[in-house]
């Protein structure tokens, strides 16, 4: 039985595989750099707001747990 020369779905499968590869790479990069990026924004907010960010964060967390 010879192979079919019908290759209609090949392009779609290739694009899906490329999209899957890109998604995996982005997830890995975010998993590795996520904490560092979060720390960077925390330090930036602390330097701009004079430490009010942590106080508000603590108040919001206590209010959330108290309301449950």
PDB file of N, CA and C in Angstrom:
ATOM      1  N   UNK A   1       0.844  -1.173   0.000  1.00  0.00           N
ATOM      2  CA  UNK A   1       0.000   0.000   0.000  1.00  0.00           C
ATOM      3  C   UNK A   1       0.893   1.241   0.000  1.00  0.00           C
ATOM      4  N   UNK A   2       0.851   2.046  -1.034  1.00  0.00           N
ATOM      5  CA  UNK A   2       1.700   3.250  -1.105  1.00  0.00           C
ATOM      6  C   UNK A   2       1.197   4.336  -0.150  1.00  0.00           C
ATOM      7  N   UNK A   3       2.128   5.208   0.240  1.00  0.00           N
ATOM      8  CA  UNK A   3       1.757   6.327   1.107  1.00  0.00           C
ATOM      9  C   UNK A   3       0.887   7.313   0.355  1.00  0.00           C
ATOM     10  N   UNK A   4      -0.014   7.934   1.072  1.00  0.00           N
ATOM     11  CA  UNK A   4      -0.899   8.928   0.473  1.00  0.00           C
ATOM     12  C   UNK A   4      -0.128  10.222   0.235  1.00  0.00           C
ATOM     13  N   UNK A   5      -0.428  10.875  -0.851  1.00  0.00           N
ATOM     14  CA  UNK A   5       0.219  12.159  -1.133  1.00  0.00           C
ATOM     15  C   UNK A   5      -0.621  13.319  -0.619  1.00  0.00           C
ATOM     16  N   UNK A   6      -1.717  13.016   0.089  1.00  0.00           N
ATOM     17  CA  UNK A   6      -2.590  14.051   0.641  1.00  0.00           C
ATOM     18  C   UNK A   6      -1.966  14.579   1.929  1.00  0.00           C
ATOM     19  N   UNK A   7      -1.507  15.831   1.918  1.00  0.00           N
ATOM     20  CA  UNK A   7      -0.823  16.420   3.070  1.00  0.00           C
ATOM     21  C   UNK A   7      -1.555  17.662   3.572  1.00  0.00           C
ATOM     22  N   UNK A   8      -2.874  17.632   3.560  1.00  0.00           N
ATOM     23  CA  UNK A   8      -3.642  18.808   3.966  1.00  0.00           C
ATOM     24  C   UNK A   8      -3.404  19.174   5.428  1.00  0.00           C
ATOM     25  N   UNK A   9      -3.401  18.209   6.300  1.00  0.00           N
ATOM     26  CA  UNK A   9      -3.304  18.496   7.729  1.00  0.00           C
ATOM     27  C   UNK A   9      -1.892  18.683   8.233  1.00  0.00           C
ATOM     28  N   UNK A  10      -0.903  18.498   7.390  1.00  0.00           N
ATOM     29  CA  UNK A  10       0.485  18.576   7.833  1.00  0.00           C
ATOM     30  C   UNK A  10       0.833  19.973   8.331  1.00  0.00           C
ATOM     31  N   UNK A  11       0.428  20.998   7.608  1.00  0.00           N
ATOM     32  CA  UNK A  11       0.740  22.367   8.015  1.00  0.00           C
ATOM     33  C   UNK A  11       0.124  22.719   9.354  1.00  0.00           C
ATOM     34  N   UNK A  12      -1.119  22.302   9.548  1.00  0.00           N
ATOM     35  CA  UNK A  12      -1.800  22.575  10.805  1.00  0.00           C
ATOM     36  C   UNK A  12      -1.101  21.890  11.964  1.00  0.00           C
ATOM     37  N   UNK A  13      -0.690  20.651  11.772  1.00  0.00           N
ATOM     38  CA  UNK A  13       0.011  19.915  12.829  1.00  0.00           C
ATOM     39  C   UNK A  13       1.350  20.577  13.136  1.00  0.00           C
ATOM     40  N   UNK A  14       2.049  21.035  12.115  1.00  0.00           N
ATOM     41  CA  UNK A  14       3.331  21.700  12.341  1.00  0.00           C
ATOM     42  C   UNK A  14       3.149  22.987  13.131  1.00  0.00           C
ATOM     43  N   UNK A  15       2.145  23.778  12.793  1.00  0.00           N
ATOM     44  CA  UNK A  15       1.876  25.010  13.539  1.00  0.00           C
ATOM     45  C   UNK A  15       1.485  24.695  14.975  1.00  0.00           C
ATOM     46  N   UNK A  16       0.728  23.651  15.192  1.00  0.00           N
ATOM     47  CA  UNK A  16       0.327  23.268  16.551  1.00  0.00           C
ATOM     48  C   UNK A  16       1.540  22.844  17.369  1.00  0.00           C
ATOM     49  N   UNK A  17       2.451  22.111  16.765  1.00  0.00           N
ATOM     50  CA  UNK A  17       3.654  21.689  17.473  1.00  0.00           C
ATOM     51  C   UNK A  17       4.549  22.880  17.809  1.00  0.00           C
ATOM     52  N   UNK A  18       4.673  23.825  16.893  1.00  0.00           N
ATOM     53  CA  UNK A  18       5.462  25.026  17.155  1.00  0.00           C
ATOM     54  C   UNK A  18       4.832  25.830  18.285  1.00  0.00           C
ATOM     55  N   UNK A  19       3.514  25.979  18.263  1.00  0.00           N
ATOM     56  CA  UNK A  19       2.809  26.707  19.313  1.00  0.00           C
ATOM     57  C   UNK A  19       2.993  26.007  20.663  1.00  0.00           C
ATOM     58  N   UNK A  20       2.932  24.698  20.684  1.00  0.00           N
ATOM     59  CA  UNK A  20       3.144  23.938  21.909  1.00  0.00           C
ATOM     60  C   UNK A  20       4.561  24.144  22.439  1.00  0.00           C
ATOM     61  N   UNK A  21       5.544  24.120  21.562  1.00  0.00           N
ATOM     62  CA  UNK A  21       6.927  24.333  21.966  1.00  0.00           C
ATOM     63  C   UNK A  21       7.122  25.731  22.548  1.00  0.00           C
ATOM     64  N   UNK A  22       6.551  26.744  21.906  1.00  0.00           N
ATOM     65  CA  UNK A  22       6.653  28.113  22.408  1.00  0.00           C
ATOM     66  C   UNK A  22       5.989  28.228  23.775  1.00  0.00           C
ATOM     67  N   UNK A  23       4.829  27.614  23.943  1.00  0.00           N
ATOM     68  CA  UNK A  23       4.125  27.665  25.224  1.00  0.00           C
ATOM     69  C   UNK A  23       4.956  27.013  26.326  1.00  0.00           C
ATOM     70  N   UNK A  24       5.568  25.885  26.042  1.00  0.00           N
ATOM     71  CA  UNK A  24       6.400  25.205  27.040  1.00  0.00           C
ATOM     72  C   UNK A  24       7.599  26.068  27.412  1.00  0.00           C
ATOM     73  N   UNK A  25       8.233  26.686  26.433  1.00  0.00           N
ATOM     74  CA  UNK A  25       9.388  27.543  26.706  1.00  0.00           C
ATOM     75  C   UNK A  25       8.984  28.739  27.568  1.00  0.00           C
ATOM     76  N   UNK A  26       7.865  29.362  27.258  1.00  0.00           N
ATOM     77  CA  UNK A  26       7.392  30.511  28.040  1.00  0.00           C
ATOM     78  C   UNK A  26       7.085  30.090  29.476  1.00  0.00           C
ATOM     79  N   UNK A  27       6.444  28.946  29.660  1.00  0.00           N
ATOM     80  CA  UNK A  27       6.119  28.473  31.002  1.00  0.00           C
ATOM     81  C   UNK A  27       7.384  28.196  31.804  1.00  0.00           C
ATOM     82  N   UNK A  28       8.377  27.595  31.175  1.00  0.00           N
ATOM     83  CA  UNK A  28       9.634  27.307  31.875  1.00  0.00           C
ATOM     84  C   UNK A  28      10.342  28.602  32.256  1.00  0.00           C
ATOM     85  N   UNK A  29      10.382  29.557  31.339  1.00  0.00           N
ATOM     86  CA  UNK A  29      11.038  30.839  31.636  1.00  0.00           C
ATOM     87  C   UNK A  29      10.323  31.553  32.775  1.00  0.00           C
ATOM     88  N   UNK A  30       8.993  31.577  32.745  1.00  0.00           N
ATOM     89  CA  UNK A  30       8.250  32.227  33.823  1.00  0.00           C
ATOM     90  C   UNK A  30       8.437  31.508  35.153  1.00  0.00           C
ATOM     91  N   UNK A  31       8.514  30.194  35.124  1.00  0.00           N
ATOM     92  CA  UNK A  31       8.721  29.442  36.360  1.00  0.00           C
ATOM     93  C   UNK A  31      10.092  29.735  36.956  1.00  0.00           C
ATOM     94  N   UNK A  32      11.088  29.902  36.092  1.00  0.00           N
ATOM     95  CA  UNK A  32      12.435  30.169  36.581  1.00  0.00           C
ATOM     96  C   UNK A  32      12.622  31.622  37.009  1.00  0.00           C
ATOM     97  N   UNK A  33      12.081  32.549  36.253  1.00  0.00           N
ATOM     98  CA  UNK A  33      12.306  33.971  36.514  1.00  0.00           C
ATOM     99  C   UNK A  33      11.185  34.635  37.291  1.00  0.00           C
ATOM    100  N   UNK A  34      10.085  33.949  37.508  1.00  0.00           N
ATOM    101  CA  UNK A  34       8.937  34.547  38.181  1.00  0.00           C
ATOM    102  C   UNK A  34       9.251  35.133  39.544  1.00  0.00           C
ATOM    103  N   UNK A  35       9.885  34.365  40.430  1.00  0.00           N
ATOM    104  CA  UNK A  35      10.202  34.927  41.747  1.00  0.00           C
ATOM    105  C   UNK A  35      11.129  36.141  41.674  1.00  0.00           C
ATOM    106  N   UNK A  36      12.094  36.113  40.770  1.00  0.00           N
ATOM    107  CA  UNK A  36      13.018  37.243  40.637  1.00  0.00           C
ATOM    108  C   UNK A  36      12.281  38.486  40.147  1.00  0.00           C
ATOM    109  N   UNK A  37      11.365  38.306  39.209  1.00  0.00           N
ATOM    110  CA  UNK A  37      10.590  39.440  38.703  1.00  0.00           C
ATOM    111  C   UNK A  37       9.675  39.981  39.796  1.00  0.00           C
ATOM    112  N   UNK A  38       9.059  39.082  40.560  1.00  0.00           N
ATOM    113  CA  UNK A  38       8.207  39.512  41.665  1.00  0.00           C
ATOM    114  C   UNK A  38       8.982  40.290  42.713  1.00  0.00           C
ATOM    115  N   UNK A  39      10.190  39.815  43.045  1.00  0.00           N
ATOM    116  CA  UNK A  39      11.032  40.530  44.001  1.00  0.00           C
ATOM    117  C   UNK A  39      11.426  41.904  43.477  1.00  0.00           C
ATOM    118  N   UNK A  40      11.705  41.977  42.181  1.00  0.00           N
ATOM    119  CA  UNK A  40      12.082  43.255  41.587  1.00  0.00           C
ATOM    120  C   UNK A  40      10.940  44.267  41.720  1.00  0.00           C
ATOM    121  N   UNK A  41       9.715  43.848  41.429  1.00  0.00           N
ATOM    122  CA  UNK A  41       8.580  44.760  41.549  1.00  0.00           C
ATOM    123  C   UNK A  41       8.304  45.115  43.009  1.00  0.00           C
ATOM    124  N   UNK A  42       8.508  44.159  43.917  1.00  0.00           N
ATOM    125  CA  UNK A  42       8.314  44.447  45.333  1.00  0.00           C
ATOM    126  C   UNK A  42       9.304  45.509  45.807  1.00  0.00           C
ATOM    127  N   UNK A  43      10.567  45.359  45.416  1.00  0.00           N
ATOM    128  CA  UNK A  43      11.571  46.352  45.807  1.00  0.00           C
ATOM    129  C   UNK A  43      11.266  47.705  45.177  1.00  0.00           C
ATOM    130  N   UNK A  44      10.803  47.698  43.951  1.00  0.00           N
ATOM    131  CA  UNK A  44      10.460  48.953  43.283  1.00  0.00           C
ATOM    132  C   UNK A  44       9.309  49.649  44.003  1.00  0.00           C
ATOM    133  N   UNK A  45       8.267  48.888  44.338  1.00  0.00           N
ATOM    134  CA  UNK A  45       7.129  49.482  45.040  1.00  0.00           C
ATOM    135  C   UNK A  45       7.511  49.964  46.434  1.00  0.00           C
ATOM    136  N   UNK A  46       8.380  49.223  47.109  1.00  0.00           N
ATOM    137  CA  UNK A  46       8.823  49.652  48.432  1.00  0.00           C
ATOM    138  C   UNK A  46       9.622  50.942  48.347  1.00  0.00           C
ATOM    139  N   UNK A  47      10.463  51.061  47.333  1.00  0.00           N
ATOM    140  CA  UNK A  47      11.264  52.282  47.220  1.00  0.00           C
ATOM    141  C   UNK A  47      10.414  53.480  46.802  1.00  0.00           C
ATOM    142  N   UNK A  48       9.383  53.253  46.016  1.00  0.00           N
ATOM    143  CA  UNK A  48       8.510  54.356  45.607  1.00  0.00           C
ATOM    144  C   UNK A  48       7.526  54.747  46.700  1.00  0.00           C
ATOM    145  N   UNK A  49       7.026  53.758  47.424  1.00  0.00           N
ATOM    146  CA  UNK A  49       5.979  54.029  48.402  1.00  0.00           C
ATOM    147  C   UNK A  49       6.458  54.114  49.828  1.00  0.00           C
ATOM    148  N   UNK A  50       7.715  53.960  50.073  1.00  0.00           N
ATOM    149  CA  UNK A  50       8.228  54.064  51.422  1.00  0.00           C
ATOM    150  C   UNK A  50       7.811  52.918  52.323  1.00  0.00           C
ATOM    151  N   UNK A  51       7.591  51.751  51.782  1.00  0.00           N
ATOM    152  CA  UNK A  51       7.251  50.597  52.595  1.00  0.00           C
ATOM    153  C   UNK A  51       5.762  50.421  52.827  1.00  0.00           C
ATOM    154  N   UNK A  52       4.942  51.282  52.285  1.00  0.00           N
ATOM    155  CA  UNK A  52       3.496  51.180  52.488  1.00  0.00           C
ATOM    156  C   UNK A  52       2.928  49.952  51.786  1.00  0.00           C
ATOM    157  N   UNK A  53       3.619  49.450  50.798  1.00  0.00           N
ATOM    158  CA  UNK A  53       3.127  48.287  50.056  1.00  0.00           C
ATOM    159  C   UNK A  53       3.001  47.078  50.978  1.00  0.00           C
ATOM    160  N   UNK A  54       4.014  46.812  51.777  1.00  0.00           N
ATOM    161  CA  UNK A  54       3.975  45.649  52.666  1.00  0.00           C
ATOM    162  C   UNK A  54       2.892  45.808  53.718  1.00  0.00           C
ATOM    163  N   UNK A  55       2.720  47.034  54.245  1.00  0.00           N
ATOM    164  CA  UNK A  55       1.690  47.253  55.251  1.00  0.00           C
ATOM    165  C   UNK A  55       0.312  46.998  54.661  1.00  0.00           C
ATOM    166  N   UNK A  56       0.066  47.501  53.467  1.00  0.00           N
ATOM    167  CA  UNK A  56      -1.232  47.283  52.822  1.00  0.00           C
ATOM    168  C   UNK A  56      -1.430  45.819  52.475  1.00  0.00           C
ATOM    169  N   UNK A  57      -0.385  45.165  52.057  1.00  0.00           N
ATOM    170  CA  UNK A  57      -0.485  43.748  51.726  1.00  0.00           C
ATOM    171  C   UNK A  57      -0.847  42.949  52.966  1.00  0.00           C
ATOM    172  N   UNK A  58      -0.200  43.248  54.085  1.00  0.00           N
ATOM    173  CA  UNK A  58      -0.510  42.560  55.330  1.00  0.00           C
ATOM    174  C   UNK A  58      -1.937  42.821  55.772  1.00  0.00           C
ATOM    175  N   UNK A  59      -2.410  44.053  55.646  1.00  0.00           N
ATOM    176  CA  UNK A  59      -3.780  44.385  56.027  1.00  0.00           C
ATOM    177  C   UNK A  59      -4.782  43.667  55.139  1.00  0.00           C
ATOM    178  N   UNK A  60      -4.504  43.599  53.845  1.00  0.00           N
ATOM    179  CA  UNK A  60      -5.416  42.919  52.926  1.00  0.00           C
ATOM    180  C   UNK A  60      -5.473  41.427  53.217  1.00  0.00           C
ATOM    181  N   UNK A  61      -4.336  40.832  53.532  1.00  0.00           N
ATOM    182  CA  UNK A  61      -4.330  39.402  53.819  1.00  0.00           C
ATOM    183  C   UNK A  61      -5.078  39.111  55.111  1.00  0.00           C
ATOM    184  N   UNK A  62      -4.904  39.966  56.156  1.00  0.00           N
ATOM    185  CA  UNK A  62      -5.642  39.730  57.403  1.00  0.00           C
ATOM    186  C   UNK A  62      -7.128  39.925  57.213  1.00  0.00           C
ATOM    187  N   UNK A  63      -7.520  40.897  56.384  1.00  0.00           N
ATOM    188  CA  UNK A  63      -8.936  41.128  56.149  1.00  0.00           C
ATOM    189  C   UNK A  63      -9.552  39.956  55.391  1.00  0.00           C
ATOM    190  N   UNK A  64      -8.809  39.384  54.483  1.00  0.00           N
ATOM    191  CA  UNK A  64      -9.335  38.250  53.717  1.00  0.00           C
ATOM    192  C   UNK A  64      -9.519  37.036  54.598  1.00  0.00           C
ATOM    193  N   UNK A  65      -8.553  36.772  55.468  1.00  0.00           N
ATOM    194  CA  UNK A  65      -8.667  35.577  56.312  1.00  0.00           C
ATOM    195  C   UNK A  65      -9.719  35.780  57.390  1.00  0.00           C
ATOM    196  N   UNK A  66      -9.902  37.015  57.849  1.00  0.00           N
ATOM    197  CA  UNK A  66     -10.904  37.279  58.885  1.00  0.00           C
ATOM    198  C   UNK A  66     -12.321  37.153  58.325  1.00  0.00           C
ATOM    199  N   UNK A  67     -12.507  37.459  57.047  1.00  0.00           N
ATOM    200  CA  UNK A  67     -13.845  37.413  56.470  1.00  0.00           C
ATOM    201  C   UNK A  67     -14.298  35.998  56.121  1.00  0.00           C
ATOM    202  N   UNK A  68     -13.384  35.025  56.151  1.00  0.00           N
ATOM    203  CA  UNK A  68     -13.754  33.650  55.789  1.00  0.00           C
ATOM    204  C   UNK A  68     -14.358  32.911  56.907  1.00  0.00           C
TER     205      UNK A  68
END
